[in-house]
Amino acid sequence: MKVSLNIGINRYDRSFYGGNIDLAQCVRDAHAMLDFVEGRGFVPALMTDGLATLDNFKGKMGELAKTLKKGDTLF
């Protein structure tokens, strides 16, 4: 199995992450990577902005840890 976890955050919580820089292309890049990996046989997963939380990331990684086997690929 080949799985790709694509994450893009344009809008983020500055009180959590710090900084004062607006991001404009991260979500677009995550979608572009999704298209790229789908054409190469990966099962894609996408998290953007409000869905790209630490809890959702940990949950997805926990799912994948239970599912993926030796020889599988996580991108």
PDB file of N, CA and C in Angstrom:
ATOM      1  N   MET A   1       0.843  -1.173   0.000  1.00  0.00           N
ATOM      2  CA  MET A   1       0.000   0.000   0.000  1.00  0.00           C
ATOM      3  C   MET A   1       0.893   1.243   0.000  1.00  0.00           C
ATOM      4  N   LYS A   2       0.470   2.237  -0.751  1.00  0.00           N
ATOM      5  CA  LYS A   2       1.170   3.515  -0.795  1.00  0.00           C
ATOM      6  C   LYS A   2       0.179   4.609  -0.399  1.00  0.00           C
ATOM      7  N   VAL A   3       0.524   5.357   0.643  1.00  0.00           N
ATOM      8  CA  VAL A   3      -0.350   6.402   1.172  1.00  0.00           C
ATOM      9  C   VAL A   3       0.407   7.722   1.179  1.00  0.00           C
ATOM     10  N   SER A   4      -0.296   8.793   0.815  1.00  0.00           N
ATOM     11  CA  SER A   4       0.285  10.124   0.847  1.00  0.00           C
ATOM     12  C   SER A   4      -0.562  11.025   1.733  1.00  0.00           C
ATOM     13  N   LEU A   5       0.027  11.611   2.748  1.00  0.00           N
ATOM     14  CA  LEU A   5      -0.660  12.557   3.627  1.00  0.00           C
ATOM     15  C   LEU A   5      -0.212  13.958   3.228  1.00  0.00           C
ATOM     16  N   ASN A   6      -1.138  14.714   2.645  1.00  0.00           N
ATOM     17  CA  ASN A   6      -0.830  16.052   2.119  1.00  0.00           C
ATOM     18  C   ASN A   6      -1.459  17.102   3.024  1.00  0.00           C
ATOM     19  N   ILE A   7      -0.639  18.006   3.532  1.00  0.00           N
ATOM     20  CA  ILE A   7      -1.100  19.015   4.479  1.00  0.00           C
ATOM     21  C   ILE A   7      -0.732  20.392   3.950  1.00  0.00           C
ATOM     22  N   GLY A   8      -1.701  21.296   3.961  1.00  0.00           N
ATOM     23  CA  GLY A   8      -1.448  22.672   3.551  1.00  0.00           C
ATOM     24  C   GLY A   8      -2.218  23.634   4.433  1.00  0.00           C
ATOM     25  N   ILE A   9      -1.517  24.600   4.979  1.00  0.00           N
ATOM     26  CA  ILE A   9      -2.145  25.566   5.874  1.00  0.00           C
ATOM     27  C   ILE A   9      -1.858  26.983   5.370  1.00  0.00           C
ATOM     28  N   ASN A  10      -2.887  27.668   4.925  1.00  0.00           N
ATOM     29  CA  ASN A  10      -2.756  29.093   4.600  1.00  0.00           C
ATOM     30  C   ASN A  10      -3.156  29.943   5.800  1.00  0.00           C
ATOM     31  N   ARG A  11      -4.244  29.549   6.461  1.00  0.00           N
ATOM     32  CA  ARG A  11      -4.731  30.288   7.633  1.00  0.00           C
ATOM     33  C   ARG A  11      -4.382  29.490   8.875  1.00  0.00           C
ATOM     34  N   TYR A  12      -3.646  30.101   9.755  1.00  0.00           N
ATOM     35  CA  TYR A  12      -3.178  29.399  10.940  1.00  0.00           C
ATOM     36  C   TYR A  12      -3.333  30.273  12.172  1.00  0.00           C
ATOM     37  N   ASP A  13      -3.300  29.636  13.322  1.00  0.00           N
ATOM     38  CA  ASP A  13      -3.451  30.310  14.606  1.00  0.00           C
ATOM     39  C   ASP A  13      -2.100  30.893  15.012  1.00  0.00           C
ATOM     40  N   ARG A  14      -1.973  32.187  14.878  1.00  0.00           N
ATOM     41  CA  ARG A  14      -0.692  32.848  15.182  1.00  0.00           C
ATOM     42  C   ARG A  14      -0.335  32.752  16.658  1.00  0.00           C
ATOM     43  N   SER A  15      -1.339  32.666  17.527  1.00  0.00           N
ATOM     44  CA  SER A  15      -1.028  32.543  18.958  1.00  0.00           C
ATOM     45  C   SER A  15      -0.398  31.187  19.252  1.00  0.00           C
ATOM     46  N   PHE A  16      -0.702  30.176  18.435  1.00  0.00           N
ATOM     47  CA  PHE A  16      -0.121  28.845  18.618  1.00  0.00           C
ATOM     48  C   PHE A  16       1.226  28.731  17.906  1.00  0.00           C
ATOM     49  N   TYR A  17       1.271  29.169  16.627  1.00  0.00           N
ATOM     50  CA  TYR A  17       2.462  28.988  15.803  1.00  0.00           C
ATOM     51  C   TYR A  17       3.431  30.157  15.859  1.00  0.00           C
ATOM     52  N   GLY A  18       2.967  31.323  16.285  1.00  0.00           N
ATOM     53  CA  GLY A  18       3.819  32.502  16.283  1.00  0.00           C
ATOM     54  C   GLY A  18       3.925  33.082  14.886  1.00  0.00           C
ATOM     55  N   GLY A  19       4.708  34.122  14.754  1.00  0.00           N
ATOM     56  CA  GLY A  19       4.932  34.721  13.446  1.00  0.00           C
ATOM     57  C   GLY A  19       3.808  35.623  13.006  1.00  0.00           C
ATOM     58  N   ASN A  20       4.067  36.373  11.997  1.00  0.00           N
ATOM     59  CA  ASN A  20       3.080  37.299  11.464  1.00  0.00           C
ATOM     60  C   ASN A  20       3.174  37.302   9.939  1.00  0.00           C
ATOM     61  N   ILE A  21       3.285  36.115   9.364  1.00  0.00           N
ATOM     62  CA  ILE A  21       3.453  35.983   7.924  1.00  0.00           C
ATOM     63  C   ILE A  21       2.220  35.290   7.358  1.00  0.00           C
ATOM     64  N   ASP A  22       1.583  35.929   6.387  1.00  0.00           N
ATOM     65  CA  ASP A  22       0.460  35.292   5.711  1.00  0.00           C
ATOM     66  C   ASP A  22       0.985  34.296   4.687  1.00  0.00           C
ATOM     67  N   LEU A  23       0.352  33.140   4.632  1.00  0.00           N
ATOM     68  CA  LEU A  23       0.711  32.119   3.667  1.00  0.00           C
ATOM     69  C   LEU A  23      -0.345  32.103   2.575  1.00  0.00           C
ATOM     70  N   ALA A  24       0.059  31.889   1.340  1.00  0.00           N
ATOM     71  CA  ALA A  24      -0.899  31.979   0.249  1.00  0.00           C
ATOM     72  C   ALA A  24      -0.925  30.757  -0.658  1.00  0.00           C
ATOM     73  N   GLN A  25       0.097  29.929  -0.648  1.00  0.00           N
ATOM     74  CA  GLN A  25       0.191  28.844  -1.625  1.00  0.00           C
ATOM     75  C   GLN A  25       0.213  27.443  -1.019  1.00  0.00           C
ATOM     76  N   CYS A  26       0.203  27.333   0.282  1.00  0.00           N
ATOM     77  CA  CYS A  26       0.350  26.002   0.900  1.00  0.00           C
ATOM     78  C   CYS A  26      -0.816  25.069   0.586  1.00  0.00           C
ATOM     79  N   VAL A  27      -2.040  25.576   0.619  1.00  0.00           N
ATOM     80  CA  VAL A  27      -3.205  24.747   0.303  1.00  0.00           C
ATOM     81  C   VAL A  27      -3.157  24.346  -1.172  1.00  0.00           C
ATOM     82  N   ARG A  28      -2.815  25.283  -2.032  1.00  0.00           N
ATOM     83  CA  ARG A  28      -2.695  24.971  -3.465  1.00  0.00           C
ATOM     84  C   ARG A  28      -1.640  23.895  -3.676  1.00  0.00           C
ATOM     85  N   ASP A  29      -0.508  24.015  -2.991  1.00  0.00           N
ATOM     86  CA  ASP A  29       0.558  23.021  -3.122  1.00  0.00           C
ATOM     87  C   ASP A  29       0.105  21.642  -2.630  1.00  0.00           C
ATOM     88  N   ALA A  30      -0.652  21.597  -1.536  1.00  0.00           N
ATOM     89  CA  ALA A  30      -1.154  20.313  -1.021  1.00  0.00           C
ATOM     90  C   ALA A  30      -2.082  19.653  -2.037  1.00  0.00           C
ATOM     91  N   HIS A  31      -2.928  20.452  -2.694  1.00  0.00           N
ATOM     92  CA  HIS A  31      -3.809  19.913  -3.740  1.00  0.00           C
ATOM     93  C   HIS A  31      -3.002  19.442  -4.950  1.00  0.00           C
ATOM     94  N   ALA A  32      -1.961  20.181  -5.306  1.00  0.00           N
ATOM     95  CA  ALA A  32      -1.117  19.785  -6.443  1.00  0.00           C
ATOM     96  C   ALA A  32      -0.402  18.468  -6.134  1.00  0.00           C
ATOM     97  N   MET A  33       0.070  18.311  -4.905  1.00  0.00           N
ATOM     98  CA  MET A  33       0.723  17.055  -4.522  1.00  0.00           C
ATOM     99  C   MET A  33      -0.280  15.908  -4.528  1.00  0.00           C
ATOM    100  N   LEU A  34      -1.511  16.188  -4.137  1.00  0.00           N
ATOM    101  CA  LEU A  34      -2.549  15.166  -4.167  1.00  0.00           C
ATOM    102  C   LEU A  34      -2.738  14.658  -5.589  1.00  0.00           C
ATOM    103  N   ASP A  35      -2.824  15.574  -6.542  1.00  0.00           N
ATOM    104  CA  ASP A  35      -2.945  15.175  -7.954  1.00  0.00           C
ATOM    105  C   ASP A  35      -1.730  14.373  -8.403  1.00  0.00           C
ATOM    106  N   PHE A  36      -0.548  14.793  -7.982  1.00  0.00           N
ATOM    107  CA  PHE A  36       0.705  14.129  -8.351  1.00  0.00           C
ATOM    108  C   PHE A  36       0.731  12.683  -7.856  1.00  0.00           C
ATOM    109  N   VAL A  37       0.412  12.475  -6.574  1.00  0.00           N
ATOM    110  CA  VAL A  37       0.520  11.129  -6.005  1.00  0.00           C
ATOM    111  C   VAL A  37      -0.598  10.202  -6.479  1.00  0.00           C
ATOM    112  N   GLU A  38      -1.779  10.757  -6.747  1.00  0.00           N
ATOM    113  CA  GLU A  38      -2.873   9.919  -7.257  1.00  0.00           C
ATOM    114  C   GLU A  38      -2.467   9.271  -8.576  1.00  0.00           C
ATOM    115  N   GLY A  39      -1.744  10.003  -9.407  1.00  0.00           N
ATOM    116  CA  GLY A  39      -1.295   9.470 -10.681  1.00  0.00           C
ATOM    117  C   GLY A  39      -0.179   8.451 -10.546  1.00  0.00           C
ATOM    118  N   ARG A  40       0.297   8.251  -9.338  1.00  0.00           N
ATOM    119  CA  ARG A  40       1.382   7.305  -9.095  1.00  0.00           C
ATOM    120  C   ARG A  40       0.974   6.175  -8.162  1.00  0.00           C
ATOM    121  N   GLY A  41      -0.341   5.981  -8.031  1.00  0.00           N
ATOM    122  CA  GLY A  41      -0.837   4.825  -7.291  1.00  0.00           C
ATOM    123  C   GLY A  41      -0.932   4.982  -5.786  1.00  0.00           C
ATOM    124  N   PHE A  42      -0.811   6.190  -5.285  1.00  0.00           N
ATOM    125  CA  PHE A  42      -0.934   6.411  -3.848  1.00  0.00           C
ATOM    126  C   PHE A  42      -2.393   6.623  -3.474  1.00  0.00           C
ATOM    127  N   VAL A  43      -2.746   6.242  -2.264  1.00  0.00           N
ATOM    128  CA  VAL A  43      -4.032   6.592  -1.682  1.00  0.00           C
ATOM    129  C   VAL A  43      -3.806   7.921  -0.968  1.00  0.00           C
ATOM    130  N   PRO A  44      -4.444   8.996  -1.447  1.00  0.00           N
ATOM    131  CA  PRO A  44      -4.158  10.304  -0.870  1.00  0.00           C
ATOM    132  C   PRO A  44      -5.053  10.643   0.314  1.00  0.00           C
ATOM    133  N   ALA A  45      -4.509  11.409   1.230  1.00  0.00           N
ATOM    134  CA  ALA A  45      -5.274  12.013   2.317  1.00  0.00           C
ATOM    135  C   ALA A  45      -4.903  13.493   2.317  1.00  0.00           C
ATOM    136  N   LEU A  46      -5.873  14.346   2.579  1.00  0.00           N
ATOM    137  CA  LEU A  46      -5.662  15.784   2.498  1.00  0.00           C
ATOM    138  C   LEU A  46      -6.168  16.458   3.763  1.00  0.00           C
ATOM    139  N   MET A  47      -5.325  17.320   4.326  1.00  0.00           N
ATOM    140  CA  MET A  47      -5.723  18.169   5.450  1.00  0.00           C
ATOM    141  C   MET A  47      -5.324  19.594   5.097  1.00  0.00           C
ATOM    142  N   THR A  48      -6.314  20.488   5.118  1.00  0.00           N
ATOM    143  CA  THR A  48      -6.018  21.888   4.845  1.00  0.00           C
ATOM    144  C   THR A  48      -6.643  22.771   5.912  1.00  0.00           C
ATOM    145  N   ASP A  49      -6.018  23.896   6.130  1.00  0.00           N
ATOM    146  CA  ASP A  49      -6.456  24.927   7.068  1.00  0.00           C
ATOM    147  C   ASP A  49      -7.098  24.344   8.321  1.00  0.00           C
ATOM    148  N   GLY A  50      -8.413  24.535   8.517  1.00  0.00           N
ATOM    149  CA  GLY A  50      -9.077  24.134   9.758  1.00  0.00           C
ATOM    150  C   GLY A  50      -9.031  22.649  10.063  1.00  0.00           C
ATOM    151  N   LEU A  51      -8.860  21.815   9.041  1.00  0.00           N
ATOM    152  CA  LEU A  51      -8.759  20.366   9.264  1.00  0.00           C
ATOM    153  C   LEU A  51      -7.335  19.932   9.592  1.00  0.00           C
ATOM    154  N   ALA A  52      -6.379  20.797   9.349  1.00  0.00           N
ATOM    155  CA  ALA A  52      -4.966  20.458   9.575  1.00  0.00           C
ATOM    156  C   ALA A  52      -4.561  20.816  11.006  1.00  0.00           C
ATOM    157  N   THR A  53      -5.256  20.181  11.947  1.00  0.00           N
ATOM    158  CA  THR A  53      -4.960  20.425  13.358  1.00  0.00           C
ATOM    159  C   THR A  53      -3.999  19.353  13.878  1.00  0.00           C
ATOM    160  N   LEU A  54      -3.384  19.643  14.988  1.00  0.00           N
ATOM    161  CA  LEU A  54      -2.474  18.674  15.597  1.00  0.00           C
ATOM    162  C   LEU A  54      -3.230  17.397  15.968  1.00  0.00           C
ATOM    163  N   ASP A  55      -4.439  17.544  16.508  1.00  0.00           N
ATOM    164  CA  ASP A  55      -5.227  16.365  16.880  1.00  0.00           C
ATOM    165  C   ASP A  55      -5.582  15.517  15.658  1.00  0.00           C
ATOM    166  N   ASN A  56      -5.991  16.171  14.555  1.00  0.00           N
ATOM    167  CA  ASN A  56      -6.320  15.420  13.340  1.00  0.00           C
ATOM    168  C   ASN A  56      -5.079  14.731  12.768  1.00  0.00           C
ATOM    169  N   PHE A  57      -3.944  15.423  12.818  1.00  0.00           N
ATOM    170  CA  PHE A  57      -2.694  14.821  12.332  1.00  0.00           C
ATOM    171  C   PHE A  57      -2.337  13.593  13.169  1.00  0.00           C
ATOM    172  N   LYS A  58      -2.380  13.742  14.472  1.00  0.00           N
ATOM    173  CA  LYS A  58      -2.066  12.608  15.356  1.00  0.00           C
ATOM    174  C   LYS A  58      -3.036  11.450  15.112  1.00  0.00           C
ATOM    175  N   GLY A  59      -4.313  11.779  14.949  1.00  0.00           N
ATOM    176  CA  GLY A  59      -5.308  10.738  14.696  1.00  0.00           C
ATOM    177  C   GLY A  59      -5.030   9.999  13.403  1.00  0.00           C
ATOM    178  N   LYS A  60      -4.718  10.740  12.348  1.00  0.00           N
ATOM    179  CA  LYS A  60      -4.430  10.115  11.047  1.00  0.00           C
ATOM    180  C   LYS A  60      -3.176   9.260  11.130  1.00  0.00           C
ATOM    181  N   MET A  61      -2.147   9.769  11.791  1.00  0.00           N
ATOM    182  CA  MET A  61      -0.914   8.990  11.928  1.00  0.00           C
ATOM    183  C   MET A  61      -1.159   7.727  12.750  1.00  0.00           C
ATOM    184  N   GLY A  62      -2.023   7.812  13.757  1.00  0.00           N
ATOM    185  CA  GLY A  62      -2.381   6.629  14.542  1.00  0.00           C
ATOM    186  C   GLY A  62      -3.098   5.593  13.692  1.00  0.00           C
ATOM    187  N   GLU A  63      -4.038   6.050  12.850  1.00  0.00           N
ATOM    188  CA  GLU A  63      -4.723   5.148  11.910  1.00  0.00           C
ATOM    189  C   GLU A  63      -3.715   4.459  10.995  1.00  0.00           C
ATOM    190  N   LEU A  64      -2.817   5.266  10.434  1.00  0.00           N
ATOM    191  CA  LEU A  64      -1.845   4.714   9.492  1.00  0.00           C
ATOM    192  C   LEU A  64      -0.894   3.738  10.178  1.00  0.00           C
ATOM    193  N   ALA A  65      -0.526   4.029  11.415  1.00  0.00           N
ATOM    194  CA  ALA A  65       0.368   3.131  12.154  1.00  0.00           C
ATOM    195  C   ALA A  65      -0.271   1.756  12.339  1.00  0.00           C
ATOM    196  N   LYS A  66      -1.601   1.722  12.461  1.00  0.00           N
ATOM    197  CA  LYS A  66      -2.305   0.450  12.612  1.00  0.00           C
ATOM    198  C   LYS A  66      -2.518  -0.257  11.279  1.00  0.00           C
ATOM    199  N   THR A  67      -2.534   0.501  10.195  1.00  0.00           N
ATOM    200  CA  THR A  67      -2.881  -0.029   8.879  1.00  0.00           C
ATOM    201  C   THR A  67      -1.666  -0.437   8.054  1.00  0.00           C
ATOM    202  N   LEU A  68      -0.646   0.403   8.056  1.00  0.00           N
ATOM    203  CA  LEU A  68       0.510   0.164   7.180  1.00  0.00           C
ATOM    204  C   LEU A  68       1.351  -0.987   7.702  1.00  0.00           C
ATOM    205  N   LYS A  69       1.897  -1.713   6.774  1.00  0.00           N
ATOM    206  CA  LYS A  69       2.730  -2.886   7.079  1.00  0.00           C
ATOM    207  C   LYS A  69       4.135  -2.671   6.533  1.00  0.00           C
ATOM    208  N   LYS A  70       5.050  -3.513   6.910  1.00  0.00           N
ATOM    209  CA  LYS A  70       6.399  -3.471   6.395  1.00  0.00           C
ATOM    210  C   LYS A  70       6.348  -3.524   4.870  1.00  0.00           C
ATOM    211  N   GLY A  71       7.074  -2.622   4.238  1.00  0.00           N
ATOM    212  CA  GLY A  71       7.109  -2.568   2.778  1.00  0.00           C
ATOM    213  C   GLY A  71       6.152  -1.546   2.189  1.00  0.00           C
ATOM    214  N   ASP A  72       5.179  -1.054   3.010  1.00  0.00           N
ATOM    215  CA  ASP A  72       4.286   0.001   2.542  1.00  0.00           C
ATOM    216  C   ASP A  72       5.040   1.325   2.514  1.00  0.00           C
ATOM    217  N   THR A  73       4.460   2.309   1.847  1.00  0.00           N
ATOM    218  CA  THR A  73       5.075   3.624   1.728  1.00  0.00           C
ATOM    219  C   THR A  73       4.149   4.683   2.264  1.00  0.00           C
ATOM    220  N   LEU A  74       4.682   5.555   3.134  1.00  0.00           N
ATOM    221  CA  LEU A  74       3.964   6.734   3.598  1.00  0.00           C
ATOM    222  C   LEU A  74       4.747   7.942   3.117  1.00  0.00           C
ATOM    223  N   PHE A  75       4.083   8.761   2.309  1.00  0.00           N
ATOM    224  CA  PHE A  75       4.708   9.958   1.731  1.00  0.00           C
ATOM    225  C   PHE A  75       4.027  11.163   2.290  1.00  0.00           C
TER     226      PHE A  75
END
